[in-house]
Amino acid sequence: MIIDFDSLIPSGRFGILEPIELAKITYKSIDMVLVPGVIFDKNGYRLGYGLGYYDRFLNKLPKAVKVGLCFDFQVMDKVPREEHDIPVDYIVTDKEIIECRR
């Protein structure tokens, strides 16, 4: 969790800013999650890199607002989905905000 930009320091080979110290938080305290994806559909389902990390994480956050971030060209009418897939509530692109319907 990032408190403010002053609590970040450059780290690693590329000097990416990272927290000086990690704050422990509970799943219940998470209100919103920004979810990356390769492709999203208008129902909020996504294709990632196939490891299921985000689906397992999102399954623990039923009340959190889930927001997919991508470019407009990454939104399709439909993507393949499996029973364990967790859709996002909104998709924010460079051109629009899509409220996903279930």
PDB file of N, CA and C in Angstrom:
ATOM      1  N   MET A   1       0.852  -1.175   0.000  1.00  0.00           N
ATOM      2  CA  MET A   1       0.000   0.000   0.000  1.00  0.00           C
ATOM      3  C   MET A   1       0.896   1.236   0.000  1.00  0.00           C
ATOM      4  N   ILE A   2       0.585   2.183  -0.857  1.00  0.00           N
ATOM      5  CA  ILE A   2       1.359   3.415  -0.947  1.00  0.00           C
ATOM      6  C   ILE A   2       0.646   4.508  -0.156  1.00  0.00           C
ATOM      7  N   ILE A   3       1.336   5.069   0.817  1.00  0.00           N
ATOM      8  CA  ILE A   3       0.773   6.138   1.635  1.00  0.00           C
ATOM      9  C   ILE A   3       0.899   7.465   0.899  1.00  0.00           C
ATOM     10  N   ASP A   4       2.093   7.780   0.419  1.00  0.00           N
ATOM     11  CA  ASP A   4       2.347   8.983  -0.371  1.00  0.00           C
ATOM     12  C   ASP A   4       3.634   8.764  -1.166  1.00  0.00           C
ATOM     13  N   PHE A   5       3.923   9.646  -2.105  1.00  0.00           N
ATOM     14  CA  PHE A   5       5.098   9.478  -2.953  1.00  0.00           C
ATOM     15  C   PHE A   5       6.416   9.642  -2.195  1.00  0.00           C
ATOM     16  N   ASP A   6       6.385  10.312  -1.048  1.00  0.00           N
ATOM     17  CA  ASP A   6       7.600  10.454  -0.247  1.00  0.00           C
ATOM     18  C   ASP A   6       8.014   9.134   0.397  1.00  0.00           C
ATOM     19  N   SER A   7       7.085   8.168   0.453  1.00  0.00           N
ATOM     20  CA  SER A   7       7.407   6.884   1.063  1.00  0.00           C
ATOM     21  C   SER A   7       7.918   5.874   0.035  1.00  0.00           C
ATOM     22  N   LEU A   8       8.295   6.358  -1.174  1.00  0.00           N
ATOM     23  CA  LEU A   8       8.812   5.494  -2.226  1.00  0.00           C
ATOM     24  C   LEU A   8      10.287   5.794  -2.481  1.00  0.00           C
ATOM     25  N   ILE A   9      11.051   4.755  -2.799  1.00  0.00           N
ATOM     26  CA  ILE A   9      12.454   4.939  -3.158  1.00  0.00           C
ATOM     27  C   ILE A   9      12.744   4.149  -4.440  1.00  0.00           C
ATOM     28  N   PRO A  10      13.697   4.638  -5.259  1.00  0.00           N
ATOM     29  CA  PRO A  10      14.077   3.890  -6.454  1.00  0.00           C
ATOM     30  C   PRO A  10      14.731   2.563  -6.059  1.00  0.00           C
ATOM     31  N   SER A  11      14.358   1.500  -6.751  1.00  0.00           N
ATOM     32  CA  SER A  11      14.888   0.191  -6.396  1.00  0.00           C
ATOM     33  C   SER A  11      15.170  -0.622  -7.654  1.00  0.00           C
ATOM     34  N   GLY A  12      16.085  -1.546  -7.544  1.00  0.00           N
ATOM     35  CA  GLY A  12      16.378  -2.467  -8.630  1.00  0.00           C
ATOM     36  C   GLY A  12      17.128  -1.835  -9.786  1.00  0.00           C
ATOM     37  N   ARG A  13      17.317  -2.618 -10.803  1.00  0.00           N
ATOM     38  CA  ARG A  13      18.096  -2.225 -11.974  1.00  0.00           C
ATOM     39  C   ARG A  13      17.525  -1.033 -12.715  1.00  0.00           C
ATOM     40  N   PHE A  14      16.199  -0.910 -12.733  1.00  0.00           N
ATOM     41  CA  PHE A  14      15.556   0.152 -13.494  1.00  0.00           C
ATOM     42  C   PHE A  14      15.133   1.341 -12.639  1.00  0.00           C
ATOM     43  N   GLY A  15      15.398   1.303 -11.355  1.00  0.00           N
ATOM     44  CA  GLY A  15      15.078   2.423 -10.479  1.00  0.00           C
ATOM     45  C   GLY A  15      13.589   2.679 -10.304  1.00  0.00           C
ATOM     46  N   ILE A  16      12.786   1.618 -10.388  1.00  0.00           N
ATOM     47  CA  ILE A  16      11.340   1.754 -10.217  1.00  0.00           C
ATOM     48  C   ILE A  16      11.043   2.086  -8.760  1.00  0.00           C
ATOM     49  N   LEU A  17      10.159   3.072  -8.555  1.00  0.00           N
ATOM     50  CA  LEU A  17       9.815   3.478  -7.191  1.00  0.00           C
ATOM     51  C   LEU A  17       9.045   2.368  -6.483  1.00  0.00           C
ATOM     52  N   GLU A  18       9.491   2.025  -5.290  1.00  0.00           N
ATOM     53  CA  GLU A  18       8.841   1.011  -4.466  1.00  0.00           C
ATOM     54  C   GLU A  18       8.714   1.535  -3.047  1.00  0.00           C
ATOM     55  N   PRO A  19       7.730   1.023  -2.295  1.00  0.00           N
ATOM     56  CA  PRO A  19       7.575   1.464  -0.898  1.00  0.00           C
ATOM     57  C   PRO A  19       8.808   1.139  -0.073  1.00  0.00           C
ATOM     58  N   ILE A  20       9.152   2.052   0.827  1.00  0.00           N
ATOM     59  CA  ILE A  20      10.274   1.831   1.747  1.00  0.00           C
ATOM     60  C   ILE A  20       9.934   0.666   2.666  1.00  0.00           C
ATOM     61  N   GLU A  21       8.705   0.652   3.104  1.00  0.00           N
ATOM     62  CA  GLU A  21       8.268  -0.366   4.048  1.00  0.00           C
ATOM     63  C   GLU A  21       6.856  -0.790   3.635  1.00  0.00           C
ATOM     64  N   LEU A  22       6.596  -2.072   3.697  1.00  0.00           N
ATOM     65  CA  LEU A  22       5.286  -2.580   3.297  1.00  0.00           C
ATOM     66  C   LEU A  22       4.305  -2.494   4.458  1.00  0.00           C
ATOM     67  N   ALA A  23       3.132  -1.961   4.176  1.00  0.00           N
ATOM     68  CA  ALA A  23       2.082  -1.890   5.192  1.00  0.00           C
ATOM     69  C   ALA A  23       1.196  -3.123   5.057  1.00  0.00           C
ATOM     70  N   LYS A  24       0.862  -3.729   6.143  1.00  0.00           N
ATOM     71  CA  LYS A  24      -0.021  -4.892   6.141  1.00  0.00           C
ATOM     72  C   LYS A  24      -1.465  -4.405   6.153  1.00  0.00           C
ATOM     73  N   ILE A  25      -2.266  -4.924   5.230  1.00  0.00           N
ATOM     74  CA  ILE A  25      -3.683  -4.568   5.196  1.00  0.00           C
ATOM     75  C   ILE A  25      -4.507  -5.842   5.103  1.00  0.00           C
ATOM     76  N   THR A  26      -5.770  -5.735   5.458  1.00  0.00           N
ATOM     77  CA  THR A  26      -6.664  -6.884   5.369  1.00  0.00           C
ATOM     78  C   THR A  26      -7.458  -6.809   4.068  1.00  0.00           C
ATOM     79  N   TYR A  27      -7.946  -7.946   3.622  1.00  0.00           N
ATOM     80  CA  TYR A  27      -8.769  -7.963   2.417  1.00  0.00           C
ATOM     81  C   TYR A  27     -10.005  -7.077   2.579  1.00  0.00           C
ATOM     82  N   LYS A  28     -10.580  -7.065   3.774  1.00  0.00           N
ATOM     83  CA  LYS A  28     -11.787  -6.272   4.019  1.00  0.00           C
ATOM     84  C   LYS A  28     -11.565  -4.774   3.854  1.00  0.00           C
ATOM     85  N   SER A  29     -10.329  -4.331   3.994  1.00  0.00           N
ATOM     86  CA  SER A  29     -10.055  -2.897   3.901  1.00  0.00           C
ATOM     87  C   SER A  29      -9.839  -2.419   2.461  1.00  0.00           C
ATOM     88  N   ILE A  30      -9.865  -3.321   1.498  1.00  0.00           N
ATOM     89  CA  ILE A  30      -9.652  -2.957   0.099  1.00  0.00           C
ATOM     90  C   ILE A  30     -10.988  -2.565  -0.530  1.00  0.00           C
ATOM     91  N   ASP A  31     -11.072  -1.313  -1.009  1.00  0.00           N
ATOM     92  CA  ASP A  31     -12.305  -0.791  -1.602  1.00  0.00           C
ATOM     93  C   ASP A  31     -12.338  -0.925  -3.120  1.00  0.00           C
ATOM     94  N   MET A  32     -11.159  -0.868  -3.747  1.00  0.00           N
ATOM     95  CA  MET A  32     -11.089  -0.882  -5.197  1.00  0.00           C
ATOM     96  C   MET A  32      -9.805  -1.567  -5.643  1.00  0.00           C
ATOM     97  N   VAL A  33      -9.896  -2.284  -6.770  1.00  0.00           N
ATOM     98  CA  VAL A  33      -8.733  -2.958  -7.335  1.00  0.00           C
ATOM     99  C   VAL A  33      -8.636  -2.579  -8.805  1.00  0.00           C
ATOM    100  N   LEU A  34      -7.450  -2.144  -9.236  1.00  0.00           N
ATOM    101  CA  LEU A  34      -7.176  -1.894 -10.648  1.00  0.00           C
ATOM    102  C   LEU A  34      -6.638  -3.191 -11.236  1.00  0.00           C
ATOM    103  N   VAL A  35      -7.331  -3.699 -12.264  1.00  0.00           N
ATOM    104  CA  VAL A  35      -7.038  -5.019 -12.799  1.00  0.00           C
ATOM    105  C   VAL A  35      -6.499  -4.918 -14.228  1.00  0.00           C
ATOM    106  N   PRO A  36      -5.278  -5.376 -14.469  1.00  0.00           N
ATOM    107  CA  PRO A  36      -4.757  -5.363 -15.837  1.00  0.00           C
ATOM    108  C   PRO A  36      -5.326  -6.536 -16.627  1.00  0.00           C
ATOM    109  N   GLY A  37      -5.212  -6.457 -17.927  1.00  0.00           N
ATOM    110  CA  GLY A  37      -5.637  -7.557 -18.774  1.00  0.00           C
ATOM    111  C   GLY A  37      -5.121  -7.365 -20.181  1.00  0.00           C
ATOM    112  N   VAL A  38      -5.026  -8.449 -20.931  1.00  0.00           N
ATOM    113  CA  VAL A  38      -4.618  -8.380 -22.323  1.00  0.00           C
ATOM    114  C   VAL A  38      -5.820  -7.975 -23.171  1.00  0.00           C
ATOM    115  N   ILE A  39      -6.960  -8.605 -22.901  1.00  0.00           N
ATOM    116  CA  ILE A  39      -8.215  -8.333 -23.606  1.00  0.00           C
ATOM    117  C   ILE A  39      -9.347  -8.369 -22.581  1.00  0.00           C
ATOM    118  N   PHE A  40     -10.319  -7.468 -22.730  1.00  0.00           N
ATOM    119  CA  PHE A  40     -11.530  -7.468 -21.909  1.00  0.00           C
ATOM    120  C   PHE A  40     -12.733  -7.590 -22.831  1.00  0.00           C
ATOM    121  N   ASP A  41     -13.849  -8.135 -22.303  1.00  0.00           N
ATOM    122  CA  ASP A  41     -15.093  -8.032 -23.056  1.00  0.00           C
ATOM    123  C   ASP A  41     -16.030  -7.097 -22.308  1.00  0.00           C
ATOM    124  N   LYS A  42     -17.129  -6.724 -22.942  1.00  0.00           N
ATOM    125  CA  LYS A  42     -18.015  -5.709 -22.376  1.00  0.00           C
ATOM    126  C   LYS A  42     -18.797  -6.200 -21.156  1.00  0.00           C
ATOM    127  N   ASN A  43     -18.691  -7.493 -20.857  1.00  0.00           N
ATOM    128  CA  ASN A  43     -19.288  -8.038 -19.637  1.00  0.00           C
ATOM    129  C   ASN A  43     -18.293  -8.054 -18.480  1.00  0.00           C
ATOM    130  N   GLY A  44     -17.077  -7.550 -18.726  1.00  0.00           N
ATOM    131  CA  GLY A  44     -16.083  -7.443 -17.670  1.00  0.00           C
ATOM    132  C   GLY A  44     -15.137  -8.610 -17.551  1.00  0.00           C
ATOM    133  N   TYR A  45     -15.292  -9.618 -18.395  1.00  0.00           N
ATOM    134  CA  TYR A  45     -14.366 -10.751 -18.339  1.00  0.00           C
ATOM    135  C   TYR A  45     -13.093 -10.393 -19.079  1.00  0.00           C
ATOM    136  N   ARG A  46     -12.015 -11.039 -18.704  1.00  0.00           N
ATOM    137  CA  ARG A  46     -10.715 -10.657 -19.240  1.00  0.00           C
ATOM    138  C   ARG A  46      -9.854 -11.867 -19.520  1.00  0.00           C
ATOM    139  N   LEU A  47      -8.914 -11.656 -20.403  1.00  0.00           N
ATOM    140  CA  LEU A  47      -7.839 -12.625 -20.601  1.00  0.00           C
ATOM    141  C   LEU A  47      -6.577 -11.981 -20.071  1.00  0.00           C
ATOM    142  N   GLY A  48      -5.895 -12.708 -19.211  1.00  0.00           N
ATOM    143  CA  GLY A  48      -4.632 -12.221 -18.684  1.00  0.00           C
ATOM    144  C   GLY A  48      -3.510 -13.050 -19.262  1.00  0.00           C
ATOM    145  N   TYR A  49      -2.617 -13.475 -18.394  1.00  0.00           N
ATOM    146  CA  TYR A  49      -1.505 -14.296 -18.853  1.00  0.00           C
ATOM    147  C   TYR A  49      -1.676 -15.756 -18.462  1.00  0.00           C
ATOM    148  N   GLY A  50      -2.871 -16.127 -17.983  1.00  0.00           N
ATOM    149  CA  GLY A  50      -3.201 -17.525 -17.788  1.00  0.00           C
ATOM    150  C   GLY A  50      -2.791 -18.174 -16.489  1.00  0.00           C
ATOM    151  N   LEU A  51      -2.311 -17.410 -15.521  1.00  0.00           N
ATOM    152  CA  LEU A  51      -1.891 -18.017 -14.258  1.00  0.00           C
ATOM    153  C   LEU A  51      -2.979 -17.959 -13.180  1.00  0.00           C
ATOM    154  N   GLY A  52      -4.037 -17.181 -13.397  1.00  0.00           N
ATOM    155  CA  GLY A  52      -5.151 -17.130 -12.455  1.00  0.00           C
ATOM    156  C   GLY A  52      -4.898 -16.328 -11.192  1.00  0.00           C
ATOM    157  N   TYR A  53      -3.789 -15.586 -11.131  1.00  0.00           N
ATOM    158  CA  TYR A  53      -3.466 -14.835  -9.913  1.00  0.00           C
ATOM    159  C   TYR A  53      -4.573 -13.852  -9.555  1.00  0.00           C
ATOM    160  N   TYR A  54      -4.994 -13.042 -10.518  1.00  0.00           N
ATOM    161  CA  TYR A  54      -6.007 -12.028 -10.215  1.00  0.00           C
ATOM    162  C   TYR A  54      -7.355 -12.651  -9.876  1.00  0.00           C
ATOM    163  N   ASP A  55      -7.734 -13.736 -10.538  1.00  0.00           N
ATOM    164  CA  ASP A  55      -9.011 -14.383 -10.212  1.00  0.00           C
ATOM    165  C   ASP A  55      -9.015 -14.893  -8.771  1.00  0.00           C
ATOM    166  N   ARG A  56      -7.926 -15.478  -8.329  1.00  0.00           N
ATOM    167  CA  ARG A  56      -7.859 -15.950  -6.934  1.00  0.00           C
ATOM    168  C   ARG A  56      -7.902 -14.773  -5.961  1.00  0.00           C
ATOM    169  N   PHE A  57      -7.194 -13.696  -6.303  1.00  0.00           N
ATOM    170  CA  PHE A  57      -7.181 -12.506  -5.454  1.00  0.00           C
ATOM    171  C   PHE A  57      -8.564 -11.844  -5.416  1.00  0.00           C
ATOM    172  N   LEU A  58      -9.174 -11.649  -6.581  1.00  0.00           N
ATOM    173  CA  LEU A  58     -10.480 -10.979  -6.652  1.00  0.00           C
ATOM    174  C   LEU A  58     -11.575 -11.785  -5.971  1.00  0.00           C
ATOM    175  N   ASN A  59     -11.442 -13.082  -5.951  1.00  0.00           N
ATOM    176  CA  ASN A  59     -12.419 -13.934  -5.282  1.00  0.00           C
ATOM    177  C   ASN A  59     -12.490 -13.643  -3.780  1.00  0.00           C
ATOM    178  N   LYS A  60     -11.417 -13.107  -3.217  1.00  0.00           N
ATOM    179  CA  LYS A  60     -11.373 -12.776  -1.787  1.00  0.00           C
ATOM    180  C   LYS A  60     -11.949 -11.385  -1.501  1.00  0.00           C
ATOM    181  N   LEU A  61     -12.352 -10.655  -2.561  1.00  0.00           N
ATOM    182  CA  LEU A  61     -12.804  -9.268  -2.423  1.00  0.00           C
ATOM    183  C   LEU A  61     -14.188  -9.059  -3.044  1.00  0.00           C
ATOM    184  N   PRO A  62     -15.204  -9.753  -2.561  1.00  0.00           N
ATOM    185  CA  PRO A  62     -16.515  -9.648  -3.216  1.00  0.00           C
ATOM    186  C   PRO A  62     -17.134  -8.249  -3.185  1.00  0.00           C
ATOM    187  N   LYS A  63     -16.778  -7.426  -2.216  1.00  0.00           N
ATOM    188  CA  LYS A  63     -17.382  -6.086  -2.111  1.00  0.00           C
ATOM    189  C   LYS A  63     -16.559  -4.983  -2.769  1.00  0.00           C
ATOM    190  N   ALA A  64     -15.328  -5.262  -3.120  1.00  0.00           N
ATOM    191  CA  ALA A  64     -14.462  -4.242  -3.727  1.00  0.00           C
ATOM    192  C   ALA A  64     -14.898  -3.958  -5.163  1.00  0.00           C
ATOM    193  N   VAL A  65     -14.776  -2.704  -5.575  1.00  0.00           N
ATOM    194  CA  VAL A  65     -15.038  -2.324  -6.965  1.00  0.00           C
ATOM    195  C   VAL A  65     -13.824  -2.753  -7.784  1.00  0.00           C
ATOM    196  N   LYS A  66     -14.091  -3.474  -8.859  1.00  0.00           N
ATOM    197  CA  LYS A  66     -13.030  -3.995  -9.704  1.00  0.00           C
ATOM    198  C   LYS A  66     -13.019  -3.225 -11.015  1.00  0.00           C
ATOM    199  N   VAL A  67     -11.877  -2.591 -11.333  1.00  0.00           N
ATOM    200  CA  VAL A  67     -11.762  -1.728 -12.509  1.00  0.00           C
ATOM    201  C   VAL A  67     -10.665  -2.256 -13.424  1.00  0.00           C
ATOM    202  N   GLY A  68     -11.051  -2.607 -14.647  1.00  0.00           N
ATOM    203  CA  GLY A  68     -10.081  -3.035 -15.644  1.00  0.00           C
ATOM    204  C   GLY A  68      -9.526  -1.827 -16.372  1.00  0.00           C
ATOM    205  N   LEU A  69      -8.223  -1.805 -16.595  1.00  0.00           N
ATOM    206  CA  LEU A  69      -7.565  -0.713 -17.311  1.00  0.00           C
ATOM    207  C   LEU A  69      -6.974  -1.253 -18.605  1.00  0.00           C
ATOM    208  N   CYS A  70      -7.288  -0.595 -19.724  1.00  0.00           N
ATOM    209  CA  CYS A  70      -6.744  -1.031 -21.006  1.00  0.00           C
ATOM    210  C   CYS A  70      -6.952   0.056 -22.048  1.00  0.00           C
ATOM    211  N   PHE A  71      -6.414  -0.166 -23.234  1.00  0.00           N
ATOM    212  CA  PHE A  71      -6.669   0.713 -24.362  1.00  0.00           C
ATOM    213  C   PHE A  71      -7.965   0.278 -25.038  1.00  0.00           C
ATOM    214  N   ASP A  72      -8.572   1.172 -25.785  1.00  0.00           N
ATOM    215  CA  ASP A  72      -9.835   0.905 -26.466  1.00  0.00           C
ATOM    216  C   ASP A  72      -9.759  -0.339 -27.365  1.00  0.00           C
ATOM    217  N   PHE A  73      -8.645  -0.529 -28.050  1.00  0.00           N
ATOM    218  CA  PHE A  73      -8.533  -1.665 -28.972  1.00  0.00           C
ATOM    219  C   PHE A  73      -8.453  -3.010 -28.252  1.00  0.00           C
ATOM    220  N   GLN A  74      -8.316  -2.992 -26.924  1.00  0.00           N
ATOM    221  CA  GLN A  74      -8.252  -4.228 -26.153  1.00  0.00           C
ATOM    222  C   GLN A  74      -9.623  -4.689 -25.659  1.00  0.00           C
ATOM    223  N   VAL A  75     -10.690  -4.019 -26.074  1.00  0.00           N
ATOM    224  CA  VAL A  75     -12.048  -4.408 -25.670  1.00  0.00           C
ATOM    225  C   VAL A  75     -12.721  -5.105 -26.846  1.00  0.00           C
ATOM    226  N   MET A  76     -13.182  -6.340 -26.602  1.00  0.00           N
ATOM    227  CA  MET A  76     -13.848  -7.148 -27.620  1.00  0.00           C
ATOM    228  C   MET A  76     -15.298  -7.383 -27.183  1.00  0.00           C
ATOM    229  N   ASP A  77     -16.098  -7.924 -28.079  1.00  0.00           N
ATOM    230  CA  ASP A  77     -17.481  -8.247 -27.722  1.00  0.00           C
ATOM    231  C   ASP A  77     -17.554  -9.391 -26.722  1.00  0.00           C
ATOM    232  N   LYS A  78     -16.706 -10.400 -26.896  1.00  0.00           N
ATOM    233  CA  LYS A  78     -16.743 -11.562 -26.006  1.00  0.00           C
ATOM    234  C   LYS A  78     -15.379 -12.236 -25.976  1.00  0.00           C
ATOM    235  N   VAL A  79     -14.974 -12.668 -24.779  1.00  0.00           N
ATOM    236  CA  VAL A  79     -13.750 -13.451 -24.638  1.00  0.00           C
ATOM    237  C   VAL A  79     -14.113 -14.803 -24.026  1.00  0.00           C
ATOM    238  N   PRO A  80     -13.294 -15.826 -24.263  1.00  0.00           N
ATOM    239  CA  PRO A  80     -13.555 -17.118 -23.622  1.00  0.00           C
ATOM    240  C   PRO A  80     -13.470 -16.965 -22.110  1.00  0.00           C
ATOM    241  N   ARG A  81     -14.321 -17.689 -21.406  1.00  0.00           N
ATOM    242  CA  ARG A  81     -14.272 -17.616 -19.948  1.00  0.00           C
ATOM    243  C   ARG A  81     -14.457 -18.989 -19.340  1.00  0.00           C
ATOM    244  N   GLU A  82     -13.991 -19.091 -18.118  1.00  0.00           N
ATOM    245  CA  GLU A  82     -14.115 -20.332 -17.366  1.00  0.00           C
ATOM    246  C   GLU A  82     -14.906 -20.054 -16.097  1.00  0.00           C
ATOM    247  N   GLU A  83     -15.344 -21.098 -15.441  1.00  0.00           N
ATOM    248  CA  GLU A  83     -16.204 -20.981 -14.259  1.00  0.00           C
ATOM    249  C   GLU A  83     -15.570 -20.144 -13.145  1.00  0.00           C
ATOM    250  N   HIS A  84     -14.257 -20.218 -12.985  1.00  0.00           N
ATOM    251  CA  HIS A  84     -13.584 -19.517 -11.887  1.00  0.00           C
ATOM    252  C   HIS A  84     -13.262 -18.045 -12.204  1.00  0.00           C
ATOM    253  N   ASP A  85     -13.499 -17.597 -13.432  1.00  0.00           N
ATOM    254  CA  ASP A  85     -13.156 -16.220 -13.822  1.00  0.00           C
ATOM    255  C   ASP A  85     -14.024 -15.202 -13.081  1.00  0.00           C
ATOM    256  N   ILE A  86     -13.401 -14.145 -12.595  1.00  0.00           N
ATOM    257  CA  ILE A  86     -14.081 -13.068 -11.875  1.00  0.00           C
ATOM    258  C   ILE A  86     -14.090 -11.837 -12.779  1.00  0.00           C
ATOM    259  N   PRO A  87     -15.275 -11.334 -13.157  1.00  0.00           N
ATOM    260  CA  PRO A  87     -15.324 -10.148 -14.031  1.00  0.00           C
ATOM    261  C   PRO A  87     -15.080  -8.858 -13.252  1.00  0.00           C
ATOM    262  N   VAL A  88     -14.674  -7.820 -13.982  1.00  0.00           N
ATOM    263  CA  VAL A  88     -14.536  -6.489 -13.390  1.00  0.00           C
ATOM    264  C   VAL A  88     -15.876  -5.769 -13.479  1.00  0.00           C
ATOM    265  N   ASP A  89     -16.046  -4.739 -12.665  1.00  0.00           N
ATOM    266  CA  ASP A  89     -17.287  -3.959 -12.656  1.00  0.00           C
ATOM    267  C   ASP A  89     -17.271  -2.851 -13.707  1.00  0.00           C
ATOM    268  N   TYR A  90     -16.094  -2.321 -13.967  1.00  0.00           N
ATOM    269  CA  TYR A  90     -15.927  -1.229 -14.934  1.00  0.00           C
ATOM    270  C   TYR A  90     -14.667  -1.490 -15.747  1.00  0.00           C
ATOM    271  N   ILE A  91     -14.675  -0.993 -16.975  1.00  0.00           N
ATOM    272  CA  ILE A  91     -13.474  -0.992 -17.806  1.00  0.00           C
ATOM    273  C   ILE A  91     -13.210   0.460 -18.184  1.00  0.00           C
ATOM    274  N   VAL A  92     -12.006   0.923 -17.905  1.00  0.00           N
ATOM    275  CA  VAL A  92     -11.611   2.290 -18.243  1.00  0.00           C
ATOM    276  C   VAL A  92     -10.584   2.203 -19.367  1.00  0.00           C
ATOM    277  N   THR A  93     -10.918   2.816 -20.509  1.00  0.00           N
ATOM    278  CA  THR A  93     -10.004   2.834 -21.647  1.00  0.00           C
ATOM    279  C   THR A  93      -9.581   4.276 -21.907  1.00  0.00           C
ATOM    280  N   ASP A  94      -8.791   4.455 -22.928  1.00  0.00           N
ATOM    281  CA  ASP A  94      -8.372   5.796 -23.317  1.00  0.00           C
ATOM    282  C   ASP A  94      -9.506   6.576 -23.977  1.00  0.00           C
ATOM    283  N   LYS A  95     -10.637   5.898 -24.286  1.00  0.00           N
ATOM    284  CA  LYS A  95     -11.743   6.573 -24.967  1.00  0.00           C
ATOM    285  C   LYS A  95     -13.068   6.548 -24.217  1.00  0.00           C
ATOM    286  N   GLU A  96     -13.230   5.626 -23.269  1.00  0.00           N
ATOM    287  CA  GLU A  96     -14.531   5.525 -22.594  1.00  0.00           C
ATOM    288  C   GLU A  96     -14.423   4.768 -21.275  1.00  0.00           C
ATOM    289  N   ILE A  97     -15.507   4.874 -20.525  1.00  0.00           N
ATOM    290  CA  ILE A  97     -15.685   4.074 -19.308  1.00  0.00           C
ATOM    291  C   ILE A  97     -16.883   3.180 -19.568  1.00  0.00           C
ATOM    292  N   ILE A  98     -16.680   1.868 -19.420  1.00  0.00           N
ATOM    293  CA  ILE A  98     -17.734   0.901 -19.679  1.00  0.00           C
ATOM    294  C   ILE A  98     -18.198   0.335 -18.348  1.00  0.00           C
ATOM    295  N   GLU A  99     -19.497   0.450 -18.081  1.00  0.00           N
ATOM    296  CA  GLU A  99     -20.082  -0.214 -16.921  1.00  0.00           C
ATOM    297  C   GLU A  99     -20.481  -1.603 -17.372  1.00  0.00           C
ATOM    298  N   CYS A 100     -19.884  -2.602 -16.782  1.00  0.00           N
ATOM    299  CA  CYS A 100     -20.080  -3.982 -17.233  1.00  0.00           C
ATOM    300  C   CYS A 100     -21.383  -4.533 -16.669  1.00  0.00           C
ATOM    301  N   ARG A 101     -22.107  -5.219 -17.500  1.00  0.00           N
ATOM    302  CA  ARG A 101     -23.387  -5.835 -17.121  1.00  0.00           C
ATOM    303  C   ARG A 101     -23.181  -7.324 -16.920  1.00  0.00           C
ATOM    304  N   ARG A 102     -23.879  -7.893 -15.974  1.00  0.00           N
ATOM    305  CA  ARG A 102     -23.797  -9.350 -15.753  1.00  0.00           C
ATOM    306  C   ARG A 102     -25.089  -9.993 -16.191  1.00  0.00           C
TER     307      ARG A 102
END
